Amino acid sequence: MMANWSRFFDFPCAQLLLTYDDLHNR
């Protein structure tokens, strides 16, 4: 999925994988 998006752009794509727990913790 990341490679599929990256091929459309000539600038860096950054991946952020989150869980609910990441958002729950201040």
mmCIF file of all heavy atoms, coordinates in Angstrom:
data_MODEL
# 
_entry.id   MODEL 
# 
loop_
_atom_site.group_PDB 
_atom_site.id 
_atom_site.type_symbol 
_atom_site.label_atom_id 
_atom_site.label_alt_id 
_atom_site.label_comp_id 
_atom_site.label_asym_id 
_atom_site.label_entity_id 
_atom_site.label_seq_id 
_atom_site.pdbx_PDB_ins_code 
_atom_site.Cartn_x 
_atom_site.Cartn_y 
_atom_site.Cartn_z 
_atom_site.occupancy 
_atom_site.B_iso_or_equiv 
_atom_site.pdbx_formal_charge 
_atom_site.auth_seq_id 
_atom_site.auth_comp_id 
_atom_site.auth_asym_id 
_atom_site.auth_atom_id 
_atom_site.pdbx_PDB_model_num 
ATOM 1   N N   . MET A 1 1  ? 0.822   -1.203 0.000   1.00 0.00 ? 1  MET A N   1 
ATOM 2   C CA  . MET A 1 1  ? 0.000   0.000  0.000   1.00 0.00 ? 1  MET A CA  1 
ATOM 3   C C   . MET A 1 1  ? 0.865   1.266  0.000   1.00 0.00 ? 1  MET A C   1 
ATOM 4   O O   . MET A 1 1  ? 0.599   2.226  -0.730  1.00 0.00 ? 1  MET A O   1 
ATOM 5   C CB  . MET A 1 1  ? -0.937  -0.017 1.212   1.00 0.00 ? 1  MET A CB  1 
ATOM 6   C CG  . MET A 1 1  ? -1.945  1.116  1.234   1.00 0.00 ? 1  MET A CG  1 
ATOM 7   S SD  . MET A 1 1  ? -1.388  2.488  2.248   1.00 0.00 ? 1  MET A SD  1 
ATOM 8   C CE  . MET A 1 1  ? -1.697  1.823  3.878   1.00 0.00 ? 1  MET A CE  1 
ATOM 9   N N   . MET A 1 2  ? 1.921   1.273  0.818   1.00 0.00 ? 2  MET A N   1 
ATOM 10  C CA  . MET A 1 2  ? 2.824   2.418  0.850   1.00 0.00 ? 2  MET A CA  1 
ATOM 11  C C   . MET A 1 2  ? 3.541   2.603  -0.492  1.00 0.00 ? 2  MET A C   1 
ATOM 12  O O   . MET A 1 2  ? 3.674   3.728  -0.995  1.00 0.00 ? 2  MET A O   1 
ATOM 13  C CB  . MET A 1 2  ? 3.842   2.248  1.972   1.00 0.00 ? 2  MET A CB  1 
ATOM 14  C CG  . MET A 1 2  ? 3.288   2.453  3.369   1.00 0.00 ? 2  MET A CG  1 
ATOM 15  S SD  . MET A 1 2  ? 2.700   4.135  3.686   1.00 0.00 ? 2  MET A SD  1 
ATOM 16  C CE  . MET A 1 2  ? 4.221   5.074  3.489   1.00 0.00 ? 2  MET A CE  1 
ATOM 17  N N   . ALA A 1 3  ? 3.988   1.507  -1.079  1.00 0.00 ? 3  ALA A N   1 
ATOM 18  C CA  . ALA A 1 3  ? 4.655   1.584  -2.383  1.00 0.00 ? 3  ALA A CA  1 
ATOM 19  C C   . ALA A 1 3  ? 3.694   2.086  -3.453  1.00 0.00 ? 3  ALA A C   1 
ATOM 20  O O   . ALA A 1 3  ? 4.081   2.847  -4.352  1.00 0.00 ? 3  ALA A O   1 
ATOM 21  C CB  . ALA A 1 3  ? 5.215   0.220  -2.766  1.00 0.00 ? 3  ALA A CB  1 
ATOM 22  N N   . ASN A 1 4  ? 2.446   1.682  -3.344  1.00 0.00 ? 4  ASN A N   1 
ATOM 23  C CA  . ASN A 1 4  ? 1.437   2.098  -4.320  1.00 0.00 ? 4  ASN A CA  1 
ATOM 24  C C   . ASN A 1 4  ? 1.228   3.606  -4.278  1.00 0.00 ? 4  ASN A C   1 
ATOM 25  O O   . ASN A 1 4  ? 1.124   4.264  -5.318  1.00 0.00 ? 4  ASN A O   1 
ATOM 26  C CB  . ASN A 1 4  ? 0.127   1.362  -4.031  1.00 0.00 ? 4  ASN A CB  1 
ATOM 27  C CG  . ASN A 1 4  ? -0.864  1.469  -5.174  1.00 0.00 ? 4  ASN A CG  1 
ATOM 28  O OD1 . ASN A 1 4  ? -0.486  1.353  -6.347  1.00 0.00 ? 4  ASN A OD1 1 
ATOM 29  N ND2 . ASN A 1 4  ? -2.128  1.658  -4.842  1.00 0.00 ? 4  ASN A ND2 1 
ATOM 30  N N   . TRP A 1 5  ? 1.188   4.179  -3.078  1.00 0.00 ? 5  TRP A N   1 
ATOM 31  C CA  . TRP A 1 5  ? 1.054   5.631  -2.958  1.00 0.00 ? 5  TRP A CA  1 
ATOM 32  C C   . TRP A 1 5  ? 2.340   6.341  -3.391  1.00 0.00 ? 5  TRP A C   1 
ATOM 33  O O   . TRP A 1 5  ? 2.292   7.352  -4.103  1.00 0.00 ? 5  TRP A O   1 
ATOM 34  C CB  . TRP A 1 5  ? 0.728   6.021  -1.513  1.00 0.00 ? 5  TRP A CB  1 
ATOM 35  C CG  . TRP A 1 5  ? -0.718  5.908  -1.161  1.00 0.00 ? 5  TRP A CG  1 
ATOM 36  C CD1 . TRP A 1 5  ? -1.281  5.067  -0.236  1.00 0.00 ? 5  TRP A CD1 1 
ATOM 37  C CD2 . TRP A 1 5  ? -1.803  6.668  -1.706  1.00 0.00 ? 5  TRP A CD2 1 
ATOM 38  N NE1 . TRP A 1 5  ? -2.637  5.254  -0.178  1.00 0.00 ? 5  TRP A NE1 1 
ATOM 39  C CE2 . TRP A 1 5  ? -2.996  6.236  -1.069  1.00 0.00 ? 5  TRP A CE2 1 
ATOM 40  C CE3 . TRP A 1 5  ? -1.898  7.671  -2.679  1.00 0.00 ? 5  TRP A CE3 1 
ATOM 41  C CZ2 . TRP A 1 5  ? -4.251  6.763  -1.363  1.00 0.00 ? 5  TRP A CZ2 1 
ATOM 42  C CZ3 . TRP A 1 5  ? -3.154  8.205  -2.974  1.00 0.00 ? 5  TRP A CZ3 1 
ATOM 43  C CH2 . TRP A 1 5  ? -4.300  7.750  -2.327  1.00 0.00 ? 5  TRP A CH2 1 
ATOM 44  N N   . SER A 1 6  ? 3.486   5.813  -2.957  1.00 0.00 ? 6  SER A N   1 
ATOM 45  C CA  . SER A 1 6  ? 4.768   6.497  -3.200  1.00 0.00 ? 6  SER A CA  1 
ATOM 46  C C   . SER A 1 6  ? 5.039   6.700  -4.680  1.00 0.00 ? 6  SER A C   1 
ATOM 47  O O   . SER A 1 6  ? 5.690   7.681  -5.077  1.00 0.00 ? 6  SER A O   1 
ATOM 48  C CB  . SER A 1 6  ? 5.916   5.704  -2.561  1.00 0.00 ? 6  SER A CB  1 
ATOM 49  O OG  . SER A 1 6  ? 5.771   5.655  -1.159  1.00 0.00 ? 6  SER A OG  1 
ATOM 50  N N   . ARG A 1 7  ? 4.569   5.784  -5.516  1.00 0.00 ? 7  ARG A N   1 
ATOM 51  C CA  . ARG A 1 7  ? 4.866   5.901  -6.945  1.00 0.00 ? 7  ARG A CA  1 
ATOM 52  C C   . ARG A 1 7  ? 4.212   7.113  -7.603  1.00 0.00 ? 7  ARG A C   1 
ATOM 53  O O   . ARG A 1 7  ? 4.596   7.510  -8.701  1.00 0.00 ? 7  ARG A O   1 
ATOM 54  C CB  . ARG A 1 7  ? 4.458   4.621  -7.679  1.00 0.00 ? 7  ARG A CB  1 
ATOM 55  C CG  . ARG A 1 7  ? 2.954   4.342  -7.731  1.00 0.00 ? 7  ARG A CG  1 
ATOM 56  C CD  . ARG A 1 7  ? 2.703   2.906  -8.186  1.00 0.00 ? 7  ARG A CD  1 
ATOM 57  N NE  . ARG A 1 7  ? 1.303   2.543  -8.171  1.00 0.00 ? 7  ARG A NE  1 
ATOM 58  C CZ  . ARG A 1 7  ? 0.546   2.406  -9.254  1.00 0.00 ? 7  ARG A CZ  1 
ATOM 59  N NH1 . ARG A 1 7  ? 1.062   2.618  -10.455 1.00 0.00 ? 7  ARG A NH1 1 
ATOM 60  N NH2 . ARG A 1 7  ? -0.725  2.059  -9.151  1.00 0.00 ? 7  ARG A NH2 1 
ATOM 61  N N   . PHE A 1 8  ? 3.236   7.724  -6.919  1.00 0.00 ? 8  PHE A N   1 
ATOM 62  C CA  . PHE A 1 8  ? 2.556   8.884  -7.485  1.00 0.00 ? 8  PHE A CA  1 
ATOM 63  C C   . PHE A 1 8  ? 3.245   10.204 -7.142  1.00 0.00 ? 8  PHE A C   1 
ATOM 64  O O   . PHE A 1 8  ? 2.885   11.249 -7.693  1.00 0.00 ? 8  PHE A O   1 
ATOM 65  C CB  . PHE A 1 8  ? 1.105   8.954  -6.981  1.00 0.00 ? 8  PHE A CB  1 
ATOM 66  C CG  . PHE A 1 8  ? 0.219   7.861  -7.489  1.00 0.00 ? 8  PHE A CG  1 
ATOM 67  C CD1 . PHE A 1 8  ? -0.211  6.853  -6.636  1.00 0.00 ? 8  PHE A CD1 1 
ATOM 68  C CD2 . PHE A 1 8  ? -0.188  7.818  -8.817  1.00 0.00 ? 8  PHE A CD2 1 
ATOM 69  C CE1 . PHE A 1 8  ? -1.023  5.834  -7.082  1.00 0.00 ? 8  PHE A CE1 1 
ATOM 70  C CE2 . PHE A 1 8  ? -1.009  6.802  -9.280  1.00 0.00 ? 8  PHE A CE2 1 
ATOM 71  C CZ  . PHE A 1 8  ? -1.428  5.801  -8.419  1.00 0.00 ? 8  PHE A CZ  1 
ATOM 72  N N   . PHE A 1 9  ? 4.225   10.171 -6.222  1.00 0.00 ? 9  PHE A N   1 
ATOM 73  C CA  . PHE A 1 9  ? 4.775   11.422 -5.706  1.00 0.00 ? 9  PHE A CA  1 
ATOM 74  C C   . PHE A 1 9  ? 6.293   11.481 -5.879  1.00 0.00 ? 9  PHE A C   1 
ATOM 75  O O   . PHE A 1 9  ? 6.968   10.453 -5.881  1.00 0.00 ? 9  PHE A O   1 
ATOM 76  C CB  . PHE A 1 9  ? 4.428   11.573 -4.215  1.00 0.00 ? 9  PHE A CB  1 
ATOM 77  C CG  . PHE A 1 9  ? 2.962   11.478 -3.910  1.00 0.00 ? 9  PHE A CG  1 
ATOM 78  C CD1 . PHE A 1 9  ? 2.463   10.439 -3.136  1.00 0.00 ? 9  PHE A CD1 1 
ATOM 79  C CD2 . PHE A 1 9  ? 2.073   12.425 -4.400  1.00 0.00 ? 9  PHE A CD2 1 
ATOM 80  C CE1 . PHE A 1 9  ? 1.110   10.336 -2.850  1.00 0.00 ? 9  PHE A CE1 1 
ATOM 81  C CE2 . PHE A 1 9  ? 0.718   12.336 -4.128  1.00 0.00 ? 9  PHE A CE2 1 
ATOM 82  C CZ  . PHE A 1 9  ? 0.228   11.290 -3.348  1.00 0.00 ? 9  PHE A CZ  1 
ATOM 83  N N   . ASP A 1 10 ? 6.799   12.709 -6.001  1.00 0.00 ? 10 ASP A N   1 
ATOM 84  C CA  . ASP A 1 10 ? 8.253   12.908 -6.058  1.00 0.00 ? 10 ASP A CA  1 
ATOM 85  C C   . ASP A 1 10 ? 8.756   13.572 -4.782  1.00 0.00 ? 10 ASP A C   1 
ATOM 86  O O   . ASP A 1 10 ? 9.794   14.213 -4.767  1.00 0.00 ? 10 ASP A O   1 
ATOM 87  C CB  . ASP A 1 10 ? 8.643   13.736 -7.289  1.00 0.00 ? 10 ASP A CB  1 
ATOM 88  C CG  . ASP A 1 10 ? 7.990   15.104 -7.314  1.00 0.00 ? 10 ASP A CG  1 
ATOM 89  O OD1 . ASP A 1 10 ? 7.225   15.420 -6.368  1.00 0.00 ? 10 ASP A OD1 1 
ATOM 90  O OD2 . ASP A 1 10 ? 8.229   15.867 -8.265  1.00 0.00 ? 10 ASP A OD2 1 
ATOM 91  N N   . PHE A 1 11 ? 8.005   13.401 -3.687  1.00 0.00 ? 11 PHE A N   1 
ATOM 92  C CA  . PHE A 1 11 ? 8.424   13.881 -2.376  1.00 0.00 ? 11 PHE A CA  1 
ATOM 93  C C   . PHE A 1 11 ? 8.266   12.721 -1.392  1.00 0.00 ? 11 PHE A C   1 
ATOM 94  O O   . PHE A 1 11 ? 7.569   11.737 -1.682  1.00 0.00 ? 11 PHE A O   1 
ATOM 95  C CB  . PHE A 1 11 ? 7.608   15.097 -1.924  1.00 0.00 ? 11 PHE A CB  1 
ATOM 96  C CG  . PHE A 1 11 ? 6.126   15.002 -2.197  1.00 0.00 ? 11 PHE A CG  1 
ATOM 97  C CD1 . PHE A 1 11 ? 5.295   14.262 -1.356  1.00 0.00 ? 11 PHE A CD1 1 
ATOM 98  C CD2 . PHE A 1 11 ? 5.564   15.648 -3.295  1.00 0.00 ? 11 PHE A CD2 1 
ATOM 99  C CE1 . PHE A 1 11 ? 3.938   14.166 -1.599  1.00 0.00 ? 11 PHE A CE1 1 
ATOM 100 C CE2 . PHE A 1 11 ? 4.203   15.550 -3.548  1.00 0.00 ? 11 PHE A CE2 1 
ATOM 101 C CZ  . PHE A 1 11 ? 3.391   14.812 -2.699  1.00 0.00 ? 11 PHE A CZ  1 
ATOM 102 N N   . PRO A 1 12 ? 8.902   12.793 -0.225  1.00 0.00 ? 12 PRO A N   1 
ATOM 103 C CA  . PRO A 1 12 ? 8.893   11.656 0.704   1.00 0.00 ? 12 PRO A CA  1 
ATOM 104 C C   . PRO A 1 12 ? 7.496   11.345 1.240   1.00 0.00 ? 12 PRO A C   1 
ATOM 105 O O   . PRO A 1 12 ? 6.697   12.250 1.522   1.00 0.00 ? 12 PRO A O   1 
ATOM 106 C CB  . PRO A 1 12 ? 9.815   12.105 1.843   1.00 0.00 ? 12 PRO A CB  1 
ATOM 107 C CG  . PRO A 1 12 ? 10.623  13.217 1.281   1.00 0.00 ? 12 PRO A CG  1 
ATOM 108 C CD  . PRO A 1 12 ? 9.772   13.890 0.259   1.00 0.00 ? 12 PRO A CD  1 
ATOM 109 N N   . CYS A 1 13 ? 7.208   10.061 1.370   1.00 0.00 ? 13 CYS A N   1 
ATOM 110 C CA  . CYS A 1 13 ? 5.992   9.592  2.032   1.00 0.00 ? 13 CYS A CA  1 
ATOM 111 C C   . CYS A 1 13 ? 6.396   8.941  3.353   1.00 0.00 ? 13 CYS A C   1 
ATOM 112 O O   . CYS A 1 13 ? 7.323   8.131  3.393   1.00 0.00 ? 13 CYS A O   1 
ATOM 113 C CB  . CYS A 1 13 ? 5.253   8.579  1.161   1.00 0.00 ? 13 CYS A CB  1 
ATOM 114 S SG  . CYS A 1 13 ? 4.556   9.275  -0.348  1.00 0.00 ? 13 CYS A SG  1 
ATOM 115 N N   . ALA A 1 14 ? 5.718   9.302  4.414   1.00 0.00 ? 14 ALA A N   1 
ATOM 116 C CA  . ALA A 1 14 ? 6.057   8.800  5.752   1.00 0.00 ? 14 ALA A CA  1 
ATOM 117 C C   . ALA A 1 14 ? 4.938   7.918  6.271   1.00 0.00 ? 14 ALA A C   1 
ATOM 118 O O   . ALA A 1 14 ? 3.759   8.240  6.123   1.00 0.00 ? 14 ALA A O   1 
ATOM 119 C CB  . ALA A 1 14 ? 6.286   9.971  6.704   1.00 0.00 ? 14 ALA A CB  1 
ATOM 120 N N   . GLN A 1 15 ? 5.312   6.809  6.882   1.00 0.00 ? 15 GLN A N   1 
ATOM 121 C CA  . GLN A 1 15 ? 4.340   5.855  7.395   1.00 0.00 ? 15 GLN A CA  1 
ATOM 122 C C   . GLN A 1 15 ? 4.135   6.034  8.896   1.00 0.00 ? 15 GLN A C   1 
ATOM 123 O O   . GLN A 1 15 ? 5.097   6.040  9.656   1.00 0.00 ? 15 GLN A O   1 
ATOM 124 C CB  . GLN A 1 15 ? 4.828   4.430  7.115   1.00 0.00 ? 15 GLN A CB  1 
ATOM 125 C CG  . GLN A 1 15 ? 3.963   3.344  7.729   1.00 0.00 ? 15 GLN A CG  1 
ATOM 126 C CD  . GLN A 1 15 ? 4.481   1.957  7.395   1.00 0.00 ? 15 GLN A CD  1 
ATOM 127 O OE1 . GLN A 1 15 ? 4.037   1.329  6.457   1.00 0.00 ? 15 GLN A OE1 1 
ATOM 128 N NE2 . GLN A 1 15 ? 5.444   1.469  8.172   1.00 0.00 ? 15 GLN A NE2 1 
ATOM 129 N N   . LEU A 1 16 ? 2.869   6.172  9.325   1.00 0.00 ? 16 LEU A N   1 
ATOM 130 C CA  . LEU A 1 16 ? 2.519   6.219  10.743  1.00 0.00 ? 16 LEU A CA  1 
ATOM 131 C C   . LEU A 1 16 ? 1.463   5.154  11.001  1.00 0.00 ? 16 LEU A C   1 
ATOM 132 O O   . LEU A 1 16 ? 0.345   5.239  10.487  1.00 0.00 ? 16 LEU A O   1 
ATOM 133 C CB  . LEU A 1 16 ? 1.965   7.588  11.148  1.00 0.00 ? 16 LEU A CB  1 
ATOM 134 C CG  . LEU A 1 16 ? 2.959   8.735  11.325  1.00 0.00 ? 16 LEU A CG  1 
ATOM 135 C CD1 . LEU A 1 16 ? 3.304   9.350  9.978   1.00 0.00 ? 16 LEU A CD1 1 
ATOM 136 C CD2 . LEU A 1 16 ? 2.381   9.798  12.241  1.00 0.00 ? 16 LEU A CD2 1 
ATOM 137 N N   . LEU A 1 17 ? 1.823   4.136  11.778  1.00 0.00 ? 17 LEU A N   1 
ATOM 138 C CA  . LEU A 1 17 ? 0.904   3.065  12.135  1.00 0.00 ? 17 LEU A CA  1 
ATOM 139 C C   . LEU A 1 17 ? 0.480   3.246  13.583  1.00 0.00 ? 17 LEU A C   1 
ATOM 140 O O   . LEU A 1 17 ? 1.317   3.246  14.483  1.00 0.00 ? 17 LEU A O   1 
ATOM 141 C CB  . LEU A 1 17 ? 1.573   1.698  11.933  1.00 0.00 ? 17 LEU A CB  1 
ATOM 142 C CG  . LEU A 1 17 ? 1.973   1.371  10.491  1.00 0.00 ? 17 LEU A CG  1 
ATOM 143 C CD1 . LEU A 1 17 ? 2.699   0.036  10.427  1.00 0.00 ? 17 LEU A CD1 1 
ATOM 144 C CD2 . LEU A 1 17 ? 0.754   1.351  9.592   1.00 0.00 ? 17 LEU A CD2 1 
ATOM 145 N N   . LEU A 1 18 ? -0.817  3.391  13.806  1.00 0.00 ? 18 LEU A N   1 
ATOM 146 C CA  . LEU A 1 18 ? -1.320  3.734  15.127  1.00 0.00 ? 18 LEU A CA  1 
ATOM 147 C C   . LEU A 1 18 ? -2.309  2.697  15.628  1.00 0.00 ? 18 LEU A C   1 
ATOM 148 O O   . LEU A 1 18 ? -2.957  1.999  14.847  1.00 0.00 ? 18 LEU A O   1 
ATOM 149 C CB  . LEU A 1 18 ? -2.022  5.098  15.082  1.00 0.00 ? 18 LEU A CB  1 
ATOM 150 C CG  . LEU A 1 18 ? -1.228  6.276  14.514  1.00 0.00 ? 18 LEU A CG  1 
ATOM 151 C CD1 . LEU A 1 18 ? -2.093  7.525  14.499  1.00 0.00 ? 18 LEU A CD1 1 
ATOM 152 C CD2 . LEU A 1 18 ? 0.029   6.505  15.328  1.00 0.00 ? 18 LEU A CD2 1 
ATOM 153 N N   . THR A 1 19 ? -2.429  2.621  16.947  1.00 0.00 ? 19 THR A N   1 
ATOM 154 C CA  . THR A 1 19 ? -3.496  1.862  17.581  1.00 0.00 ? 19 THR A CA  1 
ATOM 155 C C   . THR A 1 19 ? -4.301  2.824  18.453  1.00 0.00 ? 19 THR A C   1 
ATOM 156 O O   . THR A 1 19 ? -3.884  3.954  18.726  1.00 0.00 ? 19 THR A O   1 
ATOM 157 C CB  . THR A 1 19 ? -2.945  0.729  18.480  1.00 0.00 ? 19 THR A CB  1 
ATOM 158 O OG1 . THR A 1 19 ? -2.258  1.321  19.590  1.00 0.00 ? 19 THR A OG1 1 
ATOM 159 C CG2 . THR A 1 19 ? -1.995  -0.178 17.707  1.00 0.00 ? 19 THR A CG2 1 
ATOM 160 N N   . TYR A 1 20 ? -5.458  2.360  18.890  1.00 0.00 ? 20 TYR A N   1 
ATOM 161 C CA  . TYR A 1 20 ? -6.265  3.174  19.789  1.00 0.00 ? 20 TYR A CA  1 
ATOM 162 C C   . TYR A 1 20 ? -5.487  3.500  21.055  1.00 0.00 ? 20 TYR A C   1 
ATOM 163 O O   . TYR A 1 20 ? -5.619  4.590  21.616  1.00 0.00 ? 20 TYR A O   1 
ATOM 164 C CB  . TYR A 1 20 ? -7.562  2.434  20.142  1.00 0.00 ? 20 TYR A CB  1 
ATOM 165 C CG  . TYR A 1 20 ? -8.513  3.244  20.988  1.00 0.00 ? 20 TYR A CG  1 
ATOM 166 C CD1 . TYR A 1 20 ? -9.387  4.159  20.403  1.00 0.00 ? 20 TYR A CD1 1 
ATOM 167 C CD2 . TYR A 1 20 ? -8.538  3.120  22.369  1.00 0.00 ? 20 TYR A CD2 1 
ATOM 168 C CE1 . TYR A 1 20 ? -10.252 4.916  21.172  1.00 0.00 ? 20 TYR A CE1 1 
ATOM 169 C CE2 . TYR A 1 20 ? -9.400  3.866  23.150  1.00 0.00 ? 20 TYR A CE2 1 
ATOM 170 C CZ  . TYR A 1 20 ? -10.253 4.764  22.546  1.00 0.00 ? 20 TYR A CZ  1 
ATOM 171 O OH  . TYR A 1 20 ? -11.109 5.519  23.317  1.00 0.00 ? 20 TYR A OH  1 
ATOM 172 N N   . ASP A 1 21 ? -4.658  2.568  21.498  1.00 0.00 ? 21 ASP A N   1 
ATOM 173 C CA  . ASP A 1 21 ? -3.875  2.767  22.715  1.00 0.00 ? 21 ASP A CA  1 
ATOM 174 C C   . ASP A 1 21 ? -2.902  3.934  22.562  1.00 0.00 ? 21 ASP A C   1 
ATOM 175 O O   . ASP A 1 21 ? -2.620  4.646  23.525  1.00 0.00 ? 21 ASP A O   1 
ATOM 176 C CB  . ASP A 1 21 ? -3.115  1.484  23.051  1.00 0.00 ? 21 ASP A CB  1 
ATOM 177 C CG  . ASP A 1 21 ? -2.699  1.433  24.515  1.00 0.00 ? 21 ASP A CG  1 
ATOM 178 O OD1 . ASP A 1 21 ? -3.500  1.830  25.372  1.00 0.00 ? 21 ASP A OD1 1 
ATOM 179 O OD2 . ASP A 1 21 ? -1.572  0.997  24.785  1.00 0.00 ? 21 ASP A OD2 1 
ATOM 180 N N   . ASP A 1 22 ? -2.374  4.118  21.351  1.00 0.00 ? 22 ASP A N   1 
ATOM 181 C CA  . ASP A 1 22 ? -1.479  5.253  21.103  1.00 0.00 ? 22 ASP A CA  1 
ATOM 182 C C   . ASP A 1 22 ? -2.213  6.574  21.290  1.00 0.00 ? 22 ASP A C   1 
ATOM 183 O O   . ASP A 1 22 ? -1.648  7.553  21.796  1.00 0.00 ? 22 ASP A O   1 
ATOM 184 C CB  . ASP A 1 22 ? -0.915  5.190  19.674  1.00 0.00 ? 22 ASP A CB  1 
ATOM 185 C CG  . ASP A 1 22 ? -0.036  3.973  19.447  1.00 0.00 ? 22 ASP A CG  1 
ATOM 186 O OD1 . ASP A 1 22 ? 0.693   3.589  20.374  1.00 0.00 ? 22 ASP A OD1 1 
ATOM 187 O OD2 . ASP A 1 22 ? -0.079  3.413  18.337  1.00 0.00 ? 22 ASP A OD2 1 
ATOM 188 N N   . LEU A 1 23 ? -3.468  6.616  20.878  1.00 0.00 ? 23 LEU A N   1 
ATOM 189 C CA  . LEU A 1 23 ? -4.266  7.835  20.984  1.00 0.00 ? 23 LEU A CA  1 
ATOM 190 C C   . LEU A 1 23 ? -4.805  8.020  22.401  1.00 0.00 ? 23 LEU A C   1 
ATOM 191 O O   . LEU A 1 23 ? -5.027  9.142  22.853  1.00 0.00 ? 23 LEU A O   1 
ATOM 192 C CB  . LEU A 1 23 ? -5.429  7.778  19.985  1.00 0.00 ? 23 LEU A CB  1 
ATOM 193 C CG  . LEU A 1 23 ? -5.001  7.707  18.512  1.00 0.00 ? 23 LEU A CG  1 
ATOM 194 C CD1 . LEU A 1 23 ? -6.151  7.209  17.641  1.00 0.00 ? 23 LEU A CD1 1 
ATOM 195 C CD2 . LEU A 1 23 ? -4.512  9.065  18.023  1.00 0.00 ? 23 LEU A CD2 1 
ATOM 196 N N   . HIS A 1 24 ? -4.975  6.906  23.108  1.00 0.00 ? 24 HIS A N   1 
ATOM 197 C CA  . HIS A 1 24 ? -5.496  6.927  24.473  1.00 0.00 ? 24 HIS A CA  1 
ATOM 198 C C   . HIS A 1 24 ? -4.469  7.469  25.463  1.00 0.00 ? 24 HIS A C   1 
ATOM 199 O O   . HIS A 1 24 ? -4.829  8.098  26.455  1.00 0.00 ? 24 HIS A O   1 
ATOM 200 C CB  . HIS A 1 24 ? -5.887  5.487  24.839  1.00 0.00 ? 24 HIS A CB  1 
ATOM 201 C CG  . HIS A 1 24 ? -6.144  5.251  26.285  1.00 0.00 ? 24 HIS A CG  1 
ATOM 202 N ND1 . HIS A 1 24 ? -7.358  5.489  26.871  1.00 0.00 ? 24 HIS A ND1 1 
ATOM 203 C CD2 . HIS A 1 24 ? -5.344  4.789  27.280  1.00 0.00 ? 24 HIS A CD2 1 
ATOM 204 C CE1 . HIS A 1 24 ? -7.292  5.190  28.159  1.00 0.00 ? 24 HIS A CE1 1 
ATOM 205 N NE2 . HIS A 1 24 ? -6.088  4.758  28.437  1.00 0.00 ? 24 HIS A NE2 1 
ATOM 206 N N   . ASN A 1 25 ? -3.198  7.246  25.171  1.00 0.00 ? 25 ASN A N   1 
ATOM 207 C CA  . ASN A 1 25 ? -2.125  7.674  26.069  1.00 0.00 ? 25 ASN A CA  1 
ATOM 208 C C   . ASN A 1 25 ? -1.705  9.110  25.739  1.00 0.00 ? 25 ASN A C   1 
ATOM 209 O O   . ASN A 1 25 ? -1.303  9.395  24.612  1.00 0.00 ? 25 ASN A O   1 
ATOM 210 C CB  . ASN A 1 25 ? -0.935  6.715  25.917  1.00 0.00 ? 25 ASN A CB  1 
ATOM 211 C CG  . ASN A 1 25 ? 0.215   7.061  26.847  1.00 0.00 ? 25 ASN A CG  1 
ATOM 212 O OD1 . ASN A 1 25 ? 0.954   7.993  26.592  1.00 0.00 ? 25 ASN A OD1 1 
ATOM 213 N ND2 . ASN A 1 25 ? 0.365   6.289  27.905  1.00 0.00 ? 25 ASN A ND2 1 
ATOM 214 N N   . ARG A 1 26 ? -1.799  9.995  26.730  1.00 0.00 ? 26 ARG A N   1 
ATOM 215 C CA  . ARG A 1 26 ? -1.555  11.422 26.473  1.00 0.00 ? 26 ARG A CA  1 
ATOM 216 C C   . ARG A 1 26 ? -0.136  11.678 25.967  1.00 0.00 ? 26 ARG A C   1 
ATOM 217 O O   . ARG A 1 26 ? 0.061   12.472 25.040  1.00 0.00 ? 26 ARG A O   1 
ATOM 218 C CB  . ARG A 1 26 ? -1.809  12.231 27.754  1.00 0.00 ? 26 ARG A CB  1 
ATOM 219 C CG  . ARG A 1 26 ? -1.556  13.734 27.622  1.00 0.00 ? 26 ARG A CG  1 
ATOM 220 C CD  . ARG A 1 26 ? -2.480  14.387 26.623  1.00 0.00 ? 26 ARG A CD  1 
ATOM 221 N NE  . ARG A 1 26 ? -2.212  15.808 26.484  1.00 0.00 ? 26 ARG A NE  1 
ATOM 222 C CZ  . ARG A 1 26 ? -2.738  16.583 25.538  1.00 0.00 ? 26 ARG A CZ  1 
ATOM 223 N NH1 . ARG A 1 26 ? -3.543  16.067 24.640  1.00 0.00 ? 26 ARG A NH1 1 
ATOM 224 N NH2 . ARG A 1 26 ? -2.459  17.859 25.477  1.00 0.00 ? 26 ARG A NH2 1 
# 
